[in-house]
Amino acid sequence: MHIIIKRTKTIEEYKELHTRIESLAIKVFNNHKKAFGEWKEGNVKKVWLDNDKTLCIEYQSGNWWHYNEQGEWW
């Protein structure tokens, strides 16, 4: 999983954000995957926050989704 983090001011802020994003990405990936009988998107390829600080995950298929804190995707 490649996590992209921009605009942090300190290494501590970076580390905290990295941990939070990684944890949330794993959680929402597992929930999204469970919603399908057969998951065809592959594993997580890249994770980032968009300009609105919404979590985005790209999968090995090249498809990506936005996720909120509740694990809902669009």
N, C-alpha and C. Protein backbone atom coordinates (compact mmCIF):
# COMPACT_ATOMS: atom_id res chain seq x y z
N MET A 1 0.85 -1.17 0.00
CA MET A 1 0.00 0.00 0.00
C MET A 1 0.90 1.23 0.00
N HIS A 2 0.73 2.06 -1.01
CA HIS A 2 1.49 3.30 -1.13
C HIS A 2 0.61 4.43 -0.60
N ILE A 3 1.04 5.08 0.48
CA ILE A 3 0.27 6.17 1.09
C ILE A 3 0.94 7.49 0.74
N ILE A 4 0.17 8.37 0.14
CA ILE A 4 0.67 9.69 -0.26
C ILE A 4 0.17 10.71 0.75
N ILE A 5 1.10 11.44 1.35
CA ILE A 5 0.75 12.46 2.34
C ILE A 5 1.45 13.76 1.94
N LYS A 6 0.66 14.81 1.85
CA LYS A 6 1.20 16.13 1.51
C LYS A 6 0.79 17.14 2.58
N ARG A 7 1.51 18.22 2.63
CA ARG A 7 1.16 19.38 3.45
C ARG A 7 1.18 19.12 4.96
N THR A 8 2.14 18.37 5.44
CA THR A 8 2.32 18.27 6.90
C THR A 8 3.49 19.17 7.29
N LYS A 9 3.43 19.71 8.48
CA LYS A 9 4.44 20.67 8.91
C LYS A 9 5.56 20.05 9.72
N THR A 10 5.28 18.92 10.37
CA THR A 10 6.30 18.27 11.19
C THR A 10 6.31 16.77 10.90
N ILE A 11 7.39 16.12 11.28
CA ILE A 11 7.48 14.68 11.11
C ILE A 11 6.46 13.98 12.01
N GLU A 12 6.20 14.55 13.19
CA GLU A 12 5.21 13.97 14.09
C GLU A 12 3.82 14.02 13.46
N GLU A 13 3.49 15.15 12.85
CA GLU A 13 2.20 15.28 12.17
C GLU A 13 2.11 14.28 11.02
N TYR A 14 3.19 14.12 10.28
CA TYR A 14 3.24 13.16 9.18
C TYR A 14 2.99 11.74 9.70
N LYS A 15 3.70 11.36 10.75
CA LYS A 15 3.57 10.00 11.29
C LYS A 15 2.16 9.73 11.80
N GLU A 16 1.59 10.70 12.50
CA GLU A 16 0.23 10.55 13.02
C GLU A 16 -0.78 10.40 11.89
N LEU A 17 -0.66 11.24 10.89
CA LEU A 17 -1.56 11.18 9.74
C LEU A 17 -1.38 9.87 8.98
N HIS A 18 -0.15 9.44 8.80
CA HIS A 18 0.13 8.18 8.11
C HIS A 18 -0.54 7.02 8.83
N THR A 19 -0.40 6.96 10.14
CA THR A 19 -1.01 5.89 10.93
C THR A 19 -2.52 5.92 10.82
N ARG A 20 -3.11 7.12 10.92
CA ARG A 20 -4.57 7.26 10.83
C ARG A 20 -5.09 6.86 9.46
N ILE A 21 -4.41 7.31 8.40
CA ILE A 21 -4.84 6.99 7.03
C ILE A 21 -4.70 5.49 6.77
N GLU A 22 -3.59 4.91 7.19
CA GLU A 22 -3.38 3.48 6.97
C GLU A 22 -4.45 2.65 7.67
N SER A 23 -4.75 2.98 8.91
CA SER A 23 -5.77 2.26 9.67
C SER A 23 -7.15 2.39 9.03
N LEU A 24 -7.51 3.60 8.64
CA LEU A 24 -8.81 3.83 8.01
C LEU A 24 -8.89 3.13 6.65
N ALA A 25 -7.81 3.17 5.89
CA ALA A 25 -7.79 2.52 4.57
C ALA A 25 -8.02 1.02 4.70
N ILE A 26 -7.39 0.39 5.67
CA ILE A 26 -7.58 -1.05 5.87
C ILE A 26 -9.02 -1.34 6.26
N LYS A 27 -9.56 -0.53 7.16
CA LYS A 27 -10.94 -0.71 7.62
C LYS A 27 -11.94 -0.59 6.47
N VAL A 28 -11.85 0.50 5.70
CA VAL A 28 -12.84 0.71 4.63
C VAL A 28 -12.64 -0.26 3.48
N PHE A 29 -11.40 -0.66 3.21
CA PHE A 29 -11.15 -1.68 2.18
C PHE A 29 -11.84 -2.98 2.55
N ASN A 30 -11.67 -3.42 3.79
CA ASN A 30 -12.29 -4.67 4.22
C ASN A 30 -13.81 -4.60 4.15
N ASN A 31 -14.40 -3.46 4.55
CA ASN A 31 -15.85 -3.29 4.47
C ASN A 31 -16.33 -3.29 3.03
N HIS A 32 -15.62 -2.59 2.16
CA HIS A 32 -16.00 -2.51 0.75
C HIS A 32 -15.92 -3.91 0.11
N LYS A 33 -14.84 -4.60 0.39
CA LYS A 33 -14.62 -5.95 -0.16
C LYS A 33 -15.72 -6.92 0.29
N LYS A 34 -16.14 -6.83 1.55
CA LYS A 34 -17.19 -7.71 2.09
C LYS A 34 -18.54 -7.49 1.41
N ALA A 35 -18.76 -6.29 0.87
CA ALA A 35 -20.04 -5.96 0.26
C ALA A 35 -20.24 -6.67 -1.08
N PHE A 36 -19.18 -7.29 -1.60
CA PHE A 36 -19.26 -7.96 -2.89
C PHE A 36 -19.04 -9.45 -2.72
N GLY A 37 -19.75 -10.27 -3.50
CA GLY A 37 -19.55 -11.71 -3.46
C GLY A 37 -18.16 -12.08 -3.95
N GLU A 38 -17.74 -11.40 -4.98
CA GLU A 38 -16.41 -11.63 -5.55
C GLU A 38 -15.77 -10.28 -5.81
N TRP A 39 -14.70 -9.98 -5.10
CA TRP A 39 -14.00 -8.71 -5.23
C TRP A 39 -13.01 -8.81 -6.39
N LYS A 40 -13.21 -8.00 -7.41
CA LYS A 40 -12.38 -8.06 -8.62
C LYS A 40 -11.40 -6.91 -8.74
N GLU A 41 -11.36 -6.03 -7.76
CA GLU A 41 -10.53 -4.83 -7.87
C GLU A 41 -9.07 -5.06 -7.44
N GLY A 42 -8.80 -6.14 -6.75
CA GLY A 42 -7.45 -6.41 -6.28
C GLY A 42 -7.18 -5.70 -4.96
N ASN A 43 -5.93 -5.71 -4.56
CA ASN A 43 -5.54 -5.09 -3.30
C ASN A 43 -5.37 -3.58 -3.46
N VAL A 44 -5.19 -2.93 -2.34
CA VAL A 44 -4.96 -1.49 -2.33
C VAL A 44 -3.62 -1.19 -3.00
N LYS A 45 -3.65 -0.26 -3.94
CA LYS A 45 -2.44 0.17 -4.62
C LYS A 45 -1.93 1.49 -4.05
N LYS A 46 -2.84 2.46 -3.91
CA LYS A 46 -2.45 3.81 -3.50
C LYS A 46 -3.55 4.43 -2.65
N VAL A 47 -3.14 5.19 -1.65
CA VAL A 47 -4.07 5.87 -0.73
C VAL A 47 -3.65 7.32 -0.62
N TRP A 48 -4.63 8.24 -0.64
CA TRP A 48 -4.33 9.66 -0.48
C TRP A 48 -5.56 10.40 0.02
N LEU A 49 -5.35 11.62 0.46
CA LEU A 49 -6.45 12.52 0.81
C LEU A 49 -6.60 13.53 -0.32
N ASP A 50 -7.83 13.73 -0.79
CA ASP A 50 -8.04 14.71 -1.85
C ASP A 50 -8.02 16.12 -1.25
N ASN A 51 -8.31 17.12 -2.06
CA ASN A 51 -8.25 18.51 -1.61
C ASN A 51 -9.23 18.82 -0.47
N ASP A 52 -10.31 18.03 -0.37
CA ASP A 52 -11.29 18.19 0.70
C ASP A 52 -10.95 17.31 1.91
N LYS A 53 -9.77 16.68 1.88
CA LYS A 53 -9.31 15.77 2.94
C LYS A 53 -10.17 14.53 3.04
N THR A 54 -10.75 14.10 1.92
CA THR A 54 -11.52 12.87 1.84
C THR A 54 -10.57 11.75 1.44
N LEU A 55 -10.67 10.61 2.12
CA LEU A 55 -9.82 9.47 1.83
C LEU A 55 -10.15 8.90 0.46
N CYS A 56 -9.13 8.65 -0.36
CA CYS A 56 -9.30 8.04 -1.66
C CYS A 56 -8.40 6.81 -1.72
N ILE A 57 -8.92 5.74 -2.30
CA ILE A 57 -8.15 4.51 -2.44
C ILE A 57 -8.22 4.05 -3.89
N GLU A 58 -7.05 3.80 -4.47
CA GLU A 58 -6.95 3.20 -5.79
C GLU A 58 -6.54 1.74 -5.61
N TYR A 59 -7.18 0.88 -6.39
CA TYR A 59 -6.90 -0.55 -6.31
C TYR A 59 -6.06 -1.00 -7.50
N GLN A 60 -5.60 -2.23 -7.45
CA GLN A 60 -4.75 -2.77 -8.51
C GLN A 60 -5.43 -2.74 -9.87
N SER A 61 -6.75 -2.73 -9.90
CA SER A 61 -7.51 -2.66 -11.14
C SER A 61 -7.39 -1.30 -11.81
N GLY A 62 -6.97 -0.28 -11.04
CA GLY A 62 -6.93 1.09 -11.55
C GLY A 62 -8.15 1.89 -11.14
N ASN A 63 -9.19 1.23 -10.66
CA ASN A 63 -10.38 1.92 -10.18
C ASN A 63 -10.12 2.47 -8.78
N TRP A 64 -10.78 3.58 -8.48
CA TRP A 64 -10.62 4.18 -7.16
C TRP A 64 -11.93 4.77 -6.68
N TRP A 65 -12.03 4.91 -5.35
CA TRP A 65 -13.23 5.44 -4.70
C TRP A 65 -12.85 6.42 -3.61
N HIS A 66 -13.82 7.28 -3.28
CA HIS A 66 -13.74 8.14 -2.10
C HIS A 66 -14.38 7.35 -0.95
N TYR A 67 -13.91 7.60 0.27
CA TYR A 67 -14.47 6.96 1.46
C TYR A 67 -14.62 7.99 2.58
N ASN A 68 -15.71 7.86 3.34
CA ASN A 68 -15.84 8.71 4.52
C ASN A 68 -15.44 7.91 5.76
N GLU A 69 -15.50 8.55 6.92
CA GLU A 69 -15.08 7.91 8.18
C GLU A 69 -15.95 6.71 8.54
N GLN A 70 -17.18 6.67 8.05
CA GLN A 70 -18.09 5.56 8.32
C GLN A 70 -17.86 4.38 7.36
N GLY A 71 -16.96 4.56 6.41
CA GLY A 71 -16.66 3.48 5.46
C GLY A 71 -17.55 3.47 4.23
N GLU A 72 -18.37 4.50 4.06
CA GLU A 72 -19.21 4.59 2.87
C GLU A 72 -18.36 5.06 1.70
N TRP A 73 -18.65 4.56 0.52
CA TRP A 73 -17.86 4.91 -0.65
C TRP A 73 -18.73 5.47 -1.77
N TRP A 74 -18.08 6.22 -2.64
CA TRP A 74 -18.72 6.77 -3.83
C TRP A 74 -17.68 7.03 -4.88
